[in-house]
Amino acid sequence: MIADRHTYLRSLVTELGKTWPHNRFINIVFHGHSVPAGYFLTPYVNTYGSYPYLLHRKLKERFPFAIINSIVTAIGGENSVQGVKRFETEVLCHKPDLLTIDYGLNDRYVDITACLNAWQVMIEKALERNIPVILLTPTLDHSYYKQDENWELLKKHAEQIRKLAEKYNVGLVDSFQTFINYINEGGALEDLLSQSNHPNEKGHALVAQELARYFPI
């Protein structure tokens, strides 16, 4: 089953709550494509409006004595099959206390089985090192309006990511469903987008809010 957000990061929350001289730096690594990299209206990169740093701010408000490093290893345009190739040298080298993976939008353009294998390798390598992992389903894009092949592929990748979270008992932030819920509650998708395939700060804030739920009081 998917990791319980009330207990999954309990030990990390304890570390974040420690004060000097008993505290230490905490590395949170955000791996993936252009969304965690902070691309809004390409080529503009709004680093501090992206979910890695919105989460960082939320955590610092709650843990004012913590030393938190938000490390973004995401690359715009990359998919998981490419991202797994640099996982050892550019991700695990940071010795994450928490790892997030977000490749769903771009994985549509690669064989879905190859993507499954890439995600599994990354998850397993992290878990071998006792690194907690949170997987993210994709945020929405304009394929939502078309309900075309790209939309169907996005749904398939979202479901595959959910199943991976269940299989490995890791965390899940269902960005896809969070955006759908926003629309179903009367909002417009355009409220959450900076361009056809990138969320704006409001969209990122929804993702950061879901990530923050893994750090319960």
Protein backbone atom coordinates (compact mmCIF):
# COMPACT_ATOMS: atom_id res chain seq x y z
CA MET A 1 0.00 0.00 0.00
CA ILE A 2 0.99 3.64 -0.32
CA ALA A 3 3.00 4.92 2.64
CA ASP A 4 0.93 6.51 5.39
CA ARG A 5 1.54 10.24 5.21
CA HIS A 6 1.05 10.52 8.98
CA THR A 7 3.94 8.18 9.81
CA TYR A 8 6.17 7.73 6.74
CA LEU A 9 8.53 10.62 7.53
CA ARG A 10 8.27 10.44 11.31
CA SER A 11 12.03 10.06 11.82
CA LEU A 12 12.75 12.91 9.41
CA VAL A 13 10.28 15.15 11.23
CA THR A 14 12.12 14.33 14.45
CA GLU A 15 15.43 15.36 12.87
CA LEU A 16 13.93 18.60 11.56
CA GLY A 17 12.72 19.45 15.04
CA LYS A 18 16.14 19.22 16.66
CA THR A 19 18.02 22.36 17.68
CA TRP A 20 21.71 23.21 17.84
CA PRO A 21 23.97 21.51 18.77
CA HIS A 22 21.98 18.33 18.10
CA ASN A 23 20.68 19.22 14.64
CA ARG A 24 22.28 18.53 11.26
CA PHE A 25 21.66 19.58 7.68
CA ILE A 26 18.78 17.86 5.90
CA ASN A 27 18.96 17.27 2.14
CA ILE A 28 15.71 17.04 0.20
CA VAL A 29 16.38 16.14 -3.44
CA PHE A 30 13.81 16.85 -6.16
CA HIS A 31 14.46 14.79 -9.28
CA GLY A 32 12.58 15.03 -12.54
CA HIS A 33 11.81 17.25 -15.51
CA SER A 34 10.92 20.90 -16.13
CA VAL A 35 8.19 21.20 -13.50
CA PRO A 36 10.37 20.61 -10.41
CA ALA A 37 13.15 22.48 -12.24
CA GLY A 38 10.95 25.57 -12.00
CA TYR A 39 10.17 26.29 -15.64
CA PHE A 40 7.08 28.45 -15.94
CA LEU A 41 6.77 30.28 -19.27
CA THR A 42 9.77 28.70 -21.04
CA PRO A 43 12.60 29.69 -20.91
CA TYR A 44 11.80 31.61 -17.69
CA VAL A 45 12.70 29.65 -14.54
CA ASN A 46 10.82 30.78 -11.44
CA THR A 47 12.91 28.92 -8.89
CA TYR A 48 11.32 30.36 -5.77
CA GLY A 49 7.79 29.92 -7.11
CA SER A 50 8.27 26.21 -7.79
CA TYR A 51 7.11 23.47 -5.46
CA PRO A 52 10.58 22.46 -4.17
CA TYR A 53 11.08 25.94 -2.73
CA LEU A 54 7.47 26.50 -1.72
CA LEU A 55 7.81 23.31 0.32
CA HIS A 56 11.14 24.58 1.68
CA ARG A 57 9.42 27.73 2.90
CA LYS A 58 6.60 25.75 4.52
CA LEU A 59 9.11 23.54 6.32
CA LYS A 60 11.19 26.50 7.53
CA GLU A 61 8.08 28.15 8.94
CA ARG A 62 7.38 25.01 10.91
CA PHE A 63 11.01 24.11 11.75
CA PRO A 64 12.79 27.45 12.25
CA PHE A 65 15.89 25.83 13.73
CA ALA A 66 16.36 23.29 10.93
CA ILE A 67 19.07 23.45 8.28
CA ILE A 68 17.32 22.39 5.09
CA ASN A 69 18.91 22.08 1.67
CA SER A 70 16.47 21.85 -1.25
CA ILE A 71 18.52 20.26 -4.02
CA VAL A 72 16.93 20.26 -7.46
CA THR A 73 18.42 17.71 -9.87
CA ALA A 74 15.61 18.15 -12.40
CA ILE A 75 16.33 18.98 -16.06
CA GLY A 76 13.82 20.53 -18.45
CA GLY A 77 12.81 18.22 -21.27
CA GLU A 78 14.14 15.10 -19.61
CA ASN A 79 12.24 11.83 -19.13
CA SER A 80 12.77 9.05 -16.60
CA VAL A 81 14.72 6.86 -19.04
CA GLN A 82 17.26 9.67 -19.31
CA GLY A 83 17.05 10.60 -15.64
CA VAL A 84 17.89 7.12 -14.38
CA LYS A 85 21.22 7.26 -16.21
CA ARG A 86 22.50 10.03 -13.96
CA PHE A 87 20.76 8.86 -10.80
CA GLU A 88 23.89 7.54 -9.10
CA THR A 89 26.19 10.41 -10.02
CA GLU A 90 23.86 13.41 -9.73
CA VAL A 91 21.15 12.39 -7.27
CA LEU A 92 22.32 9.79 -4.76
CA CYS A 93 25.64 11.62 -4.43
CA HIS A 94 23.76 14.25 -2.38
CA LYS A 95 22.83 11.64 0.23
CA PRO A 96 19.15 12.62 0.33
CA ASP A 97 17.15 12.48 3.53
CA LEU A 98 14.12 12.54 1.23
CA LEU A 99 13.81 12.04 -2.52
CA THR A 100 10.94 13.05 -4.81
CA ILE A 101 10.56 11.85 -8.41
CA ASP A 102 8.45 13.70 -11.00
CA TYR A 103 8.69 12.66 -14.66
CA GLY A 104 5.10 11.91 -15.68
CA LEU A 105 4.54 14.73 -18.17
CA ASN A 106 7.54 13.86 -20.34
CA ASP A 107 7.32 10.09 -19.96
CA ARG A 108 4.39 10.09 -22.40
CA TYR A 109 6.89 10.38 -25.23
CA VAL A 110 8.83 7.25 -24.24
CA ASP A 111 7.78 3.61 -24.15
CA ILE A 112 5.73 3.15 -20.98
CA THR A 113 7.45 -0.11 -20.08
CA ALA A 114 10.86 1.54 -20.37
CA CYS A 115 9.58 4.25 -18.03
CA LEU A 116 8.33 1.64 -15.58
CA ASN A 117 11.77 0.05 -15.50
CA ALA A 118 13.49 3.41 -15.01
CA TRP A 119 11.23 4.39 -12.10
CA GLN A 120 11.72 0.98 -10.49
CA VAL A 121 15.50 1.25 -10.70
CA MET A 122 15.48 4.70 -9.10
CA ILE A 123 13.09 3.66 -6.34
CA GLU A 124 14.97 0.47 -5.55
CA LYS A 125 18.36 2.20 -5.46
CA ALA A 126 16.99 4.79 -3.06
CA LEU A 127 15.34 2.23 -0.81
CA GLU A 128 18.53 0.16 -0.71
CA ARG A 129 20.07 3.21 0.98
CA ASN A 130 17.08 3.68 3.30
CA ILE A 131 16.11 6.92 1.58
CA PRO A 132 12.37 7.67 1.83
CA VAL A 133 10.81 8.36 -1.56
CA ILE A 134 7.75 10.32 -2.62
CA LEU A 135 6.50 9.79 -6.17
CA LEU A 136 4.51 12.47 -7.97
CA THR A 137 1.92 11.91 -10.65
CA PRO A 138 1.98 14.51 -13.44
CA THR A 139 0.37 17.91 -13.23
CA LEU A 140 -2.15 18.57 -16.00
CA ASP A 141 -1.55 20.24 -19.36
CA HIS A 142 -3.66 21.35 -22.32
CA SER A 143 -4.27 17.76 -23.39
CA TYR A 144 -7.00 17.90 -20.73
CA TYR A 145 -9.05 20.05 -23.11
CA LYS A 146 -8.50 17.79 -26.10
CA GLN A 147 -9.02 14.44 -24.36
CA ASP A 148 -6.75 13.03 -27.07
CA GLU A 149 -4.06 10.34 -27.17
CA ASN A 150 -1.69 12.49 -25.11
CA TRP A 151 -4.36 12.82 -22.43
CA GLU A 152 -4.94 9.08 -22.35
CA LEU A 153 -1.19 8.51 -22.06
CA LEU A 154 -0.99 11.01 -19.21
CA LYS A 155 -3.70 9.10 -17.36
CA LYS A 156 -1.87 5.81 -17.96
CA HIS A 157 1.37 7.19 -16.57
CA ALA A 158 -0.43 8.65 -13.57
CA GLU A 159 -1.92 5.25 -12.83
CA GLN A 160 1.44 3.53 -13.29
CA ILE A 161 3.01 5.90 -10.77
CA ARG A 162 0.23 5.19 -8.27
CA LYS A 163 0.82 1.47 -8.65
CA LEU A 164 4.55 1.94 -8.10
CA ALA A 165 3.86 3.78 -4.85
CA GLU A 166 1.66 0.89 -3.74
CA LYS A 167 4.18 -1.75 -4.80
CA TYR A 168 7.10 -0.20 -2.95
CA ASN A 169 5.12 1.26 -0.03
CA VAL A 170 6.51 4.73 -0.65
CA GLY A 171 4.87 8.15 -0.56
CA LEU A 172 2.63 9.50 -3.28
CA VAL A 173 1.61 13.02 -4.17
CA ASP A 174 -1.17 12.66 -6.72
CA SER A 175 -0.74 16.00 -8.51
CA PHE A 176 -2.92 14.73 -11.36
CA GLN A 177 -5.88 14.10 -9.06
CA THR A 178 -5.23 17.30 -7.11
CA PHE A 179 -5.61 19.33 -10.30
CA ILE A 180 -8.71 17.36 -11.29
CA ASN A 181 -10.21 18.02 -7.86
CA TYR A 182 -9.56 21.75 -8.28
CA ILE A 183 -11.45 21.72 -11.58
CA ASN A 184 -14.29 19.60 -10.18
CA GLU A 185 -14.70 22.10 -7.35
CA GLY A 186 -15.35 24.89 -9.86
CA GLY A 187 -11.87 26.10 -10.71
CA ALA A 188 -10.42 26.42 -14.20
CA LEU A 189 -7.31 24.60 -15.35
CA GLU A 190 -5.97 27.91 -16.69
CA ASP A 191 -5.90 29.16 -13.09
CA LEU A 192 -3.05 26.68 -12.51
CA LEU A 193 -0.99 26.97 -15.70
CA SER A 194 1.69 29.40 -16.85
CA GLN A 195 1.74 27.86 -20.33
CA SER A 196 0.28 24.80 -22.03
CA ASN A 197 2.37 22.28 -20.09
CA HIS A 198 3.78 24.07 -17.03
CA PRO A 199 1.99 25.00 -13.82
CA ASN A 200 2.14 28.54 -12.48
CA GLU A 201 2.83 29.39 -8.85
CA LYS A 202 -0.74 28.56 -7.84
CA GLY A 203 -0.39 25.13 -9.44
CA HIS A 204 2.96 24.59 -7.75
CA ALA A 205 1.44 25.66 -4.45
CA LEU A 206 -1.14 22.86 -4.71
CA VAL A 207 1.69 20.34 -5.18
CA ALA A 208 3.71 21.81 -2.32
CA GLN A 209 0.65 21.62 -0.08
CA GLU A 210 0.27 17.92 -0.82
CA LEU A 211 3.97 17.30 -0.16
CA ALA A 212 3.69 19.15 3.16
CA ARG A 213 1.02 16.66 4.28
CA TYR A 214 3.85 14.14 4.72
CA PHE A 215 5.21 16.33 7.53
CA PRO A 216 2.27 16.16 9.97
CA ILE A 217 2.30 17.92 13.31
